[in-house]
């Protein structure tokens, strides 16, 4: 994560601010559609963070397993990716 660490942390900080903003909107009894627009933006931002982390995992962890030639390590990283994709598709 070293290469994308700051980028990921920046996005997470923005997400934290967005979530606090939505809580404030709920507290202020803002219009439901405005709140839902913000929750959709949060969902999209989370997907962006997941994409960054998944790209890093594929480019570094999976690539390392493939080049290692170790079938057990390759299978383990493959299974991790499949498990993550299954969770993400729910």
PDB file of N, CA and C in Angstrom:
ATOM      1  N   UNK A   1       0.813  -1.207   0.000  1.00  0.00           N
ATOM      2  CA  UNK A   1       0.000   0.000   0.000  1.00  0.00           C
ATOM      3  C   UNK A   1       0.852   1.265   0.000  1.00  0.00           C
ATOM      4  N   UNK A   2       2.157   1.140   0.103  1.00  0.00           N
ATOM      5  CA  UNK A   2       2.996   2.322   0.263  1.00  0.00           C
ATOM      6  C   UNK A   2       2.759   3.359  -0.832  1.00  0.00           C
ATOM      7  N   UNK A   3       2.665   2.925  -2.082  1.00  0.00           N
ATOM      8  CA  UNK A   3       2.526   3.868  -3.199  1.00  0.00           C
ATOM      9  C   UNK A   3       1.206   4.623  -3.137  1.00  0.00           C
ATOM     10  N   UNK A   4       0.146   3.957  -2.774  1.00  0.00           N
ATOM     11  CA  UNK A   4      -1.183   4.576  -2.751  1.00  0.00           C
ATOM     12  C   UNK A   4      -1.673   4.887  -1.345  1.00  0.00           C
ATOM     13  N   UNK A   5      -0.805   4.743  -0.372  1.00  0.00           N
ATOM     14  CA  UNK A   5      -1.227   4.909   1.016  1.00  0.00           C
ATOM     15  C   UNK A   5      -1.818   6.292   1.263  1.00  0.00           C
ATOM     16  N   UNK A   6      -1.114   7.351   0.883  1.00  0.00           N
ATOM     17  CA  UNK A   6      -1.608   8.696   1.147  1.00  0.00           C
ATOM     18  C   UNK A   6      -2.880   8.979   0.361  1.00  0.00           C
ATOM     19  N   UNK A   7      -2.913   8.511  -0.875  1.00  0.00           N
ATOM     20  CA  UNK A   7      -4.114   8.700  -1.694  1.00  0.00           C
ATOM     21  C   UNK A   7      -5.313   8.015  -1.039  1.00  0.00           C
ATOM     22  N   UNK A   8      -5.104   6.813  -0.537  1.00  0.00           N
ATOM     23  CA  UNK A   8      -6.172   6.068   0.125  1.00  0.00           C
ATOM     24  C   UNK A   8      -6.602   6.762   1.409  1.00  0.00           C
ATOM     25  N   UNK A   9      -5.630   7.214   2.194  1.00  0.00           N
ATOM     26  CA  UNK A   9      -5.949   7.911   3.447  1.00  0.00           C
ATOM     27  C   UNK A   9      -6.700   9.218   3.180  1.00  0.00           C
ATOM     28  N   UNK A  10      -6.316   9.932   2.128  1.00  0.00           N
ATOM     29  CA  UNK A  10      -7.014  11.170   1.775  1.00  0.00           C
ATOM     30  C   UNK A  10      -8.469  10.893   1.420  1.00  0.00           C
ATOM     31  N   UNK A  11      -8.680   9.856   0.637  1.00  0.00           N
ATOM     32  CA  UNK A  11     -10.049   9.501   0.264  1.00  0.00           C
ATOM     33  C   UNK A  11     -10.867   9.088   1.479  1.00  0.00           C
ATOM     34  N   UNK A  12     -10.248   8.338   2.377  1.00  0.00           N
ATOM     35  CA  UNK A  12     -10.956   7.922   3.585  1.00  0.00           C
ATOM     36  C   UNK A  12     -11.298   9.121   4.471  1.00  0.00           C
ATOM     37  N   UNK A  13     -10.410  10.099   4.534  1.00  0.00           N
ATOM     38  CA  UNK A  13     -10.693  11.307   5.319  1.00  0.00           C
ATOM     39  C   UNK A  13     -11.876  12.066   4.710  1.00  0.00           C
ATOM     40  N   UNK A  14     -11.925  12.137   3.380  1.00  0.00           N
ATOM     41  CA  UNK A  14     -13.061  12.787   2.729  1.00  0.00           C
ATOM     42  C   UNK A  14     -14.350  12.031   3.016  1.00  0.00           C
ATOM     43  N   UNK A  15     -14.265  10.708   2.980  1.00  0.00           N
ATOM     44  CA  UNK A  15     -15.438   9.885   3.294  1.00  0.00           C
ATOM     45  C   UNK A  15     -15.924  10.142   4.711  1.00  0.00           C
ATOM     46  N   UNK A  16     -14.987  10.230   5.630  1.00  0.00           N
ATOM     47  CA  UNK A  16     -15.345  10.496   7.025  1.00  0.00           C
ATOM     48  C   UNK A  16     -16.104  11.818   7.122  1.00  0.00           C
ATOM     49  N   UNK A  17     -15.639  12.816   6.408  1.00  0.00           N
ATOM     50  CA  UNK A  17     -16.314  14.105   6.392  1.00  0.00           C
ATOM     51  C   UNK A  17     -17.699  14.021   5.770  1.00  0.00           C
ATOM     52  N   UNK A  18     -17.805  13.246   4.693  1.00  0.00           N
ATOM     53  CA  UNK A  18     -19.110  13.077   4.052  1.00  0.00           C
ATOM     54  C   UNK A  18     -20.104  12.412   4.989  1.00  0.00           C
ATOM     55  N   UNK A  19     -19.650  11.392   5.704  1.00  0.00           N
ATOM     56  CA  UNK A  19     -20.549  10.684   6.635  1.00  0.00           C
ATOM     57  C   UNK A  19     -20.988  11.627   7.745  1.00  0.00           C
ATOM     58  N   UNK A  20     -20.062  12.424   8.270  1.00  0.00           N
ATOM     59  CA  UNK A  20     -20.440  13.403   9.298  1.00  0.00           C
ATOM     60  C   UNK A  20     -21.441  14.407   8.734  1.00  0.00           C
ATOM     61  N   UNK A  21     -21.244  14.788   7.479  1.00  0.00           N
ATOM     62  CA  UNK A  21     -22.171  15.712   6.841  1.00  0.00           C
ATOM     63  C   UNK A  21     -23.565  15.136   6.719  1.00  0.00           C
ATOM     64  N   UNK A  22     -23.652  13.871   6.374  1.00  0.00           N
ATOM     65  CA  UNK A  22     -24.963  13.217   6.270  1.00  0.00           C
ATOM     66  C   UNK A  22     -25.624  13.141   7.641  1.00  0.00           C
ATOM     67  N   UNK A  23     -24.845  12.838   8.657  1.00  0.00           N
ATOM     68  CA  UNK A  23     -25.412  12.812  10.016  1.00  0.00           C
ATOM     69  C   UNK A  23     -25.976  14.179  10.371  1.00  0.00           C
ATOM     70  N   UNK A  24     -25.263  15.229  10.010  1.00  0.00           N
ATOM     71  CA  UNK A  24     -25.758  16.573  10.254  1.00  0.00           C
ATOM     72  C   UNK A  24     -27.033  16.866   9.482  1.00  0.00           C
ATOM     73  N   UNK A  25     -27.114  16.362   8.257  1.00  0.00           N
ATOM     74  CA  UNK A  25     -28.318  16.545   7.450  1.00  0.00           C
ATOM     75  C   UNK A  25     -29.516  15.858   8.098  1.00  0.00           C
ATOM     76  N   UNK A  26     -29.285  14.661   8.627  1.00  0.00           N
ATOM     77  CA  UNK A  26     -30.369  13.936   9.300  1.00  0.00           C
ATOM     78  C   UNK A  26     -30.798  14.703  10.548  1.00  0.00           C
ATOM     79  N   UNK A  27     -29.805  15.166  11.319  1.00  0.00           N
ATOM     80  CA  UNK A  27     -30.104  15.953  12.524  1.00  0.00           C
ATOM     81  C   UNK A  27     -30.930  17.189  12.188  1.00  0.00           C
ATOM     82  N   UNK A  28     -30.633  17.805  11.042  1.00  0.00           N
ATOM     83  CA  UNK A  28     -31.301  19.046  10.649  1.00  0.00           C
ATOM     84  C   UNK A  28     -32.615  18.795   9.894  1.00  0.00           C
ATOM     85  N   UNK A  29     -33.004  17.516   9.817  1.00  0.00           N
ATOM     86  CA  UNK A  29     -34.238  17.147   9.118  1.00  0.00           C
ATOM     87  C   UNK A  29     -34.252  17.637   7.668  1.00  0.00           C
ATOM     88  N   UNK A  30     -33.127  17.462   6.984  1.00  0.00           N
ATOM     89  CA  UNK A  30     -33.038  17.861   5.587  1.00  0.00           C
ATOM     90  C   UNK A  30     -33.894  16.954   4.718  1.00  0.00           C
ATOM     91  N   UNK A  31     -34.176  17.403   3.537  1.00  0.00           N
ATOM     92  CA  UNK A  31     -35.009  16.682   2.570  1.00  0.00           C
ATOM     93  C   UNK A  31     -34.388  15.312   2.272  1.00  0.00           C
ATOM     94  N   UNK A  32     -35.214  14.278   2.298  1.00  0.00           N
ATOM     95  CA  UNK A  32     -34.753  12.891   2.130  1.00  0.00           C
ATOM     96  C   UNK A  32     -33.940  12.693   0.852  1.00  0.00           C
ATOM     97  N   UNK A  33     -34.387  13.292  -0.236  1.00  0.00           N
ATOM     98  CA  UNK A  33     -33.688  13.098  -1.503  1.00  0.00           C
ATOM     99  C   UNK A  33     -32.281  13.696  -1.464  1.00  0.00           C
ATOM    100  N   UNK A  34     -32.105  14.797  -0.735  1.00  0.00           N
ATOM    101  CA  UNK A  34     -30.773  15.387  -0.578  1.00  0.00           C
ATOM    102  C   UNK A  34     -29.854  14.451   0.202  1.00  0.00           C
ATOM    103  N   UNK A  35     -30.412  13.843   1.246  1.00  0.00           N
ATOM    104  CA  UNK A  35     -29.635  12.893   2.052  1.00  0.00           C
ATOM    105  C   UNK A  35     -29.269  11.677   1.209  1.00  0.00           C
ATOM    106  N   UNK A  36     -30.233  11.169   0.457  1.00  0.00           N
ATOM    107  CA  UNK A  36     -29.968  10.000  -0.385  1.00  0.00           C
ATOM    108  C   UNK A  36     -28.929  10.293  -1.464  1.00  0.00           C
ATOM    109  N   UNK A  37     -28.922  11.499  -1.975  1.00  0.00           N
ATOM    110  CA  UNK A  37     -27.900  11.879  -2.958  1.00  0.00           C
ATOM    111  C   UNK A  37     -26.512  11.807  -2.317  1.00  0.00           C
ATOM    112  N   UNK A  38     -26.420  12.226  -1.080  1.00  0.00           N
ATOM    113  CA  UNK A  38     -25.134  12.182  -0.387  1.00  0.00           C
ATOM    114  C   UNK A  38     -24.716  10.752  -0.046  1.00  0.00           C
ATOM    115  N   UNK A  39     -25.675   9.905   0.334  1.00  0.00           N
ATOM    116  CA  UNK A  39     -25.318   8.512   0.620  1.00  0.00           C
ATOM    117  C   UNK A  39     -24.874   7.806  -0.657  1.00  0.00           C
ATOM    118  N   UNK A  40     -25.451   8.165  -1.804  1.00  0.00           N
ATOM    119  CA  UNK A  40     -25.003   7.587  -3.079  1.00  0.00           C
ATOM    120  C   UNK A  40     -23.573   8.022  -3.374  1.00  0.00           C
ATOM    121  N   UNK A  41     -23.245   9.270  -3.062  1.00  0.00           N
ATOM    122  CA  UNK A  41     -21.880   9.762  -3.266  1.00  0.00           C
ATOM    123  C   UNK A  41     -20.904   9.022  -2.354  1.00  0.00           C
ATOM    124  N   UNK A  42     -21.322   8.746  -1.131  1.00  0.00           N
ATOM    125  CA  UNK A  42     -20.479   8.000  -0.192  1.00  0.00           C
ATOM    126  C   UNK A  42     -20.228   6.591  -0.716  1.00  0.00           C
ATOM    127  N   UNK A  43     -21.296   5.943  -1.199  1.00  0.00           N
ATOM    128  CA  UNK A  43     -21.168   4.596  -1.743  1.00  0.00           C
ATOM    129  C   UNK A  43     -20.162   4.579  -2.898  1.00  0.00           C
ATOM    130  N   UNK A  44     -20.253   5.550  -3.764  1.00  0.00           N
ATOM    131  CA  UNK A  44     -19.346   5.652  -4.897  1.00  0.00           C
ATOM    132  C   UNK A  44     -17.905   5.868  -4.434  1.00  0.00           C
ATOM    133  N   UNK A  45     -17.730   6.707  -3.432  1.00  0.00           N
ATOM    134  CA  UNK A  45     -16.392   6.976  -2.901  1.00  0.00           C
ATOM    135  C   UNK A  45     -15.790   5.733  -2.259  1.00  0.00           C
ATOM    136  N   UNK A  46     -16.605   4.963  -1.571  1.00  0.00           N
ATOM    137  CA  UNK A  46     -16.119   3.718  -0.967  1.00  0.00           C
ATOM    138  C   UNK A  46     -15.658   2.748  -2.051  1.00  0.00           C
ATOM    139  N   UNK A  47     -16.428   2.665  -3.122  1.00  0.00           N
ATOM    140  CA  UNK A  47     -16.025   1.802  -4.239  1.00  0.00           C
ATOM    141  C   UNK A  47     -14.689   2.248  -4.816  1.00  0.00           C
ATOM    142  N   UNK A  48     -14.453   3.555  -4.856  1.00  0.00           N
ATOM    143  CA  UNK A  48     -13.167   4.062  -5.333  1.00  0.00           C
ATOM    144  C   UNK A  48     -12.017   3.631  -4.441  1.00  0.00           C
ATOM    145  N   UNK A  49     -12.232   3.668  -3.129  1.00  0.00           N
ATOM    146  CA  UNK A  49     -11.203   3.216  -2.185  1.00  0.00           C
ATOM    147  C   UNK A  49     -10.959   1.718  -2.363  1.00  0.00           C
ATOM    148  N   UNK A  50     -12.032   0.952  -2.483  1.00  0.00           N
ATOM    149  CA  UNK A  50     -11.889  -0.485  -2.693  1.00  0.00           C
ATOM    150  C   UNK A  50     -11.108  -0.772  -3.968  1.00  0.00           C
ATOM    151  N   UNK A  51     -11.370  -0.006  -5.013  1.00  0.00           N
ATOM    152  CA  UNK A  51     -10.672  -0.195  -6.281  1.00  0.00           C
ATOM    153  C   UNK A  51      -9.173   0.054  -6.119  1.00  0.00           C
ATOM    154  N   UNK A  52      -8.801   1.119  -5.414  1.00  0.00           N
ATOM    155  CA  UNK A  52      -7.387   1.404  -5.177  1.00  0.00           C
ATOM    156  C   UNK A  52      -6.701   0.250  -4.455  1.00  0.00           C
ATOM    157  N   UNK A  53      -7.352  -0.250  -3.421  1.00  0.00           N
ATOM    158  CA  UNK A  53      -6.761  -1.321  -2.619  1.00  0.00           C
ATOM    159  C   UNK A  53      -6.697  -2.619  -3.427  1.00  0.00           C
ATOM    160  N   UNK A  54      -7.741  -2.911  -4.187  1.00  0.00           N
ATOM    161  CA  UNK A  54      -7.757  -4.112  -5.016  1.00  0.00           C
ATOM    162  C   UNK A  54      -6.679  -4.047  -6.092  1.00  0.00           C
ATOM    163  N   UNK A  55      -6.521  -2.885  -6.717  1.00  0.00           N
ATOM    164  CA  UNK A  55      -5.465  -2.723  -7.726  1.00  0.00           C
ATOM    165  C   UNK A  55      -4.098  -2.976  -7.112  1.00  0.00           C
ATOM    166  N   UNK A  56      -3.886  -2.416  -5.928  1.00  0.00           N
ATOM    167  CA  UNK A  56      -2.605  -2.633  -5.247  1.00  0.00           C
ATOM    168  C   UNK A  56      -2.395  -4.122  -4.964  1.00  0.00           C
ATOM    169  N   UNK A  57      -3.425  -4.772  -4.478  1.00  0.00           N
ATOM    170  CA  UNK A  57      -3.314  -6.196  -4.157  1.00  0.00           C
ATOM    171  C   UNK A  57      -2.969  -7.006  -5.415  1.00  0.00           C
ATOM    172  N   UNK A  58      -3.641  -6.709  -6.503  1.00  0.00           N
ATOM    173  CA  UNK A  58      -3.394  -7.438  -7.747  1.00  0.00           C
ATOM    174  C   UNK A  58      -2.002  -7.140  -8.288  1.00  0.00           C
ATOM    175  N   UNK A  59      -1.596  -5.880  -8.258  1.00  0.00           N
ATOM    176  CA  UNK A  59      -0.311  -5.488  -8.829  1.00  0.00           C
ATOM    177  C   UNK A  59       0.883  -5.937  -7.997  1.00  0.00           C
ATOM    178  N   UNK A  60       0.684  -6.106  -6.706  1.00  0.00           N
ATOM    179  CA  UNK A  60       1.817  -6.437  -5.851  1.00  0.00           C
ATOM    180  C   UNK A  60       1.708  -7.825  -5.237  1.00  0.00           C
ATOM    181  N   UNK A  61       0.686  -8.057  -4.467  1.00  0.00           N
ATOM    182  CA  UNK A  61       0.569  -9.319  -3.738  1.00  0.00           C
ATOM    183  C   UNK A  61       0.348 -10.496  -4.685  1.00  0.00           C
ATOM    184  N   UNK A  62      -0.595 -10.355  -5.606  1.00  0.00           N
ATOM    185  CA  UNK A  62      -0.885 -11.451  -6.531  1.00  0.00           C
ATOM    186  C   UNK A  62       0.282 -11.644  -7.495  1.00  0.00           C
ATOM    187  N   UNK A  63       0.829 -10.539  -7.985  1.00  0.00           N
ATOM    188  CA  UNK A  63       1.973 -10.631  -8.900  1.00  0.00           C
ATOM    189  C   UNK A  63       3.158 -11.335  -8.232  1.00  0.00           C
ATOM    190  N   UNK A  64       3.403 -11.021  -6.974  1.00  0.00           N
ATOM    191  CA  UNK A  64       4.487 -11.669  -6.225  1.00  0.00           C
ATOM    192  C   UNK A  64       4.227 -13.174  -6.103  1.00  0.00           C
ATOM    193  N   UNK A  65       2.984 -13.540  -5.833  1.00  0.00           N
ATOM    194  CA  UNK A  65       2.635 -14.961  -5.717  1.00  0.00           C
ATOM    195  C   UNK A  65       2.830 -15.675  -7.045  1.00  0.00           C
ATOM    196  N   UNK A  66       2.440 -15.036  -8.125  1.00  0.00           N
ATOM    197  CA  UNK A  66       2.594 -15.659  -9.448  1.00  0.00           C
ATOM    198  C   UNK A  66       4.069 -15.865  -9.773  1.00  0.00           C
ATOM    199  N   UNK A  67       4.875 -14.837  -9.545  1.00  0.00           N
ATOM    200  CA  UNK A  67       6.300 -14.945  -9.885  1.00  0.00           C
ATOM    201  C   UNK A  67       7.065 -15.853  -8.931  1.00  0.00           C
ATOM    202  N   UNK A  68       6.494 -16.154  -7.771  1.00  0.00           N
ATOM    203  CA  UNK A  68       7.182 -17.023  -6.810  1.00  0.00           C
ATOM    204  C   UNK A  68       7.270 -18.464  -7.306  1.00  0.00           C
ATOM    205  N   UNK A  69       6.314 -18.849  -8.145  1.00  0.00           N
ATOM    206  CA  UNK A  69       6.283 -20.233  -8.617  1.00  0.00           C
ATOM    207  C   UNK A  69       5.750 -21.210  -7.588  1.00  0.00           C
ATOM    208  N   UNK A  70       5.345 -20.710  -6.438  1.00  0.00           N
ATOM    209  CA  UNK A  70       4.823 -21.559  -5.361  1.00  0.00           C
ATOM    210  C   UNK A  70       3.323 -21.762  -5.571  1.00  0.00           C
ATOM    211  N   UNK A  71       2.910 -22.983  -5.954  1.00  0.00           N
ATOM    212  CA  UNK A  71       1.491 -23.226  -6.224  1.00  0.00           C
ATOM    213  C   UNK A  71       0.569 -22.942  -5.032  1.00  0.00           C
ATOM    214  N   UNK A  72       1.036 -23.192  -3.822  1.00  0.00           N
ATOM    215  CA  UNK A  72       0.209 -22.936  -2.640  1.00  0.00           C
ATOM    216  C   UNK A  72      -0.015 -21.440  -2.439  1.00  0.00           C
ATOM    217  N   UNK A  73       1.040 -20.664  -2.606  1.00  0.00           N
ATOM    218  CA  UNK A  73       0.910 -19.212  -2.469  1.00  0.00           C
ATOM    219  C   UNK A  73       0.027 -18.651  -3.581  1.00  0.00           C
ATOM    220  N   UNK A  74       0.199 -19.156  -4.786  1.00  0.00           N
ATOM    221  CA  UNK A  74      -0.626 -18.722  -5.921  1.00  0.00           C
ATOM    222  C   UNK A  74      -2.100 -19.023  -5.661  1.00  0.00           C
ATOM    223  N   UNK A  75      -2.380 -20.218  -5.192  1.00  0.00           N
ATOM    224  CA  UNK A  75      -3.757 -20.621  -4.903  1.00  0.00           C
ATOM    225  C   UNK A  75      -4.335 -19.765  -3.790  1.00  0.00           C
ATOM    226  N   UNK A  76      -3.542 -19.473  -2.759  1.00  0.00           N
ATOM    227  CA  UNK A  76      -4.020 -18.664  -1.637  1.00  0.00           C
ATOM    228  C   UNK A  76      -4.407 -17.259  -2.111  1.00  0.00           C
ATOM    229  N   UNK A  77      -3.564 -16.628  -2.911  1.00  0.00           N
ATOM    230  CA  UNK A  77      -3.868 -15.281  -3.409  1.00  0.00           C
ATOM    231  C   UNK A  77      -5.063 -15.310  -4.357  1.00  0.00           C
ATOM    232  N   UNK A  78      -5.158 -16.335  -5.170  1.00  0.00           N
ATOM    233  CA  UNK A  78      -6.302 -16.485  -6.061  1.00  0.00           C
ATOM    234  C   UNK A  78      -7.587 -16.609  -5.250  1.00  0.00           C
ATOM    235  N   UNK A  79      -7.564 -17.437  -4.228  1.00  0.00           N
ATOM    236  CA  UNK A  79      -8.745 -17.626  -3.380  1.00  0.00           C
ATOM    237  C   UNK A  79      -9.126 -16.343  -2.647  1.00  0.00           C
ATOM    238  N   UNK A  80      -8.123 -15.551  -2.232  1.00  0.00           N
ATOM    239  CA  UNK A  80      -8.409 -14.263  -1.610  1.00  0.00           C
ATOM    240  C   UNK A  80      -9.178 -13.358  -2.573  1.00  0.00           C
ATOM    241  N   UNK A  81      -8.695 -13.301  -3.814  1.00  0.00           N
ATOM    242  CA  UNK A  81      -9.365 -12.456  -4.810  1.00  0.00           C
ATOM    243  C   UNK A  81     -10.785 -12.921  -5.078  1.00  0.00           C
ATOM    244  N   UNK A  82     -10.976 -14.207  -5.220  1.00  0.00           N
ATOM    245  CA  UNK A  82     -12.317 -14.747  -5.470  1.00  0.00           C
ATOM    246  C   UNK A  82     -13.238 -14.429  -4.294  1.00  0.00           C
ATOM    247  N   UNK A  83     -12.763 -14.624  -3.079  1.00  0.00           N
ATOM    248  CA  UNK A  83     -13.567 -14.322  -1.896  1.00  0.00           C
ATOM    249  C   UNK A  83     -13.951 -12.857  -1.832  1.00  0.00           C
ATOM    250  N   UNK A  84     -13.017 -11.979  -2.144  1.00  0.00           N
ATOM    251  CA  UNK A  84     -13.304 -10.552  -2.131  1.00  0.00           C
ATOM    252  C   UNK A  84     -14.328 -10.187  -3.199  1.00  0.00           C
ATOM    253  N   UNK A  85     -14.168 -10.722  -4.382  1.00  0.00           N
ATOM    254  CA  UNK A  85     -15.098 -10.432  -5.458  1.00  0.00           C
ATOM    255  C   UNK A  85     -16.499 -10.961  -5.137  1.00  0.00           C
ATOM    256  N   UNK A  86     -16.569 -12.112  -4.481  1.00  0.00           N
ATOM    257  CA  UNK A  86     -17.873 -12.644  -4.088  1.00  0.00           C
ATOM    258  C   UNK A  86     -18.551 -11.740  -3.064  1.00  0.00           C
ATOM    259  N   UNK A  87     -17.789 -11.240  -2.110  1.00  0.00           N
ATOM    260  CA  UNK A  87     -18.349 -10.333  -1.105  1.00  0.00           C
ATOM    261  C   UNK A  87     -18.800  -9.030  -1.755  1.00  0.00           C
ATOM    262  N   UNK A  88     -18.008  -8.532  -2.684  1.00  0.00           N
ATOM    263  CA  UNK A  88     -18.311  -7.251  -3.326  1.00  0.00           C
ATOM    264  C   UNK A  88     -19.538  -7.338  -4.218  1.00  0.00           C
ATOM    265  N   UNK A  89     -19.836  -8.516  -4.717  1.00  0.00           N
ATOM    266  CA  UNK A  89     -20.962  -8.647  -5.646  1.00  0.00           C
ATOM    267  C   UNK A  89     -22.299  -8.889  -4.938  1.00  0.00           C
ATOM    268  N   UNK A  90     -22.280  -8.979  -3.637  1.00  0.00           N
ATOM    269  CA  UNK A  90     -23.525  -9.213  -2.881  1.00  0.00           C
ATOM    270  C   UNK A  90     -24.336  -7.956  -2.756  1.00  0.00           C
TER     271      UNK A  90
END
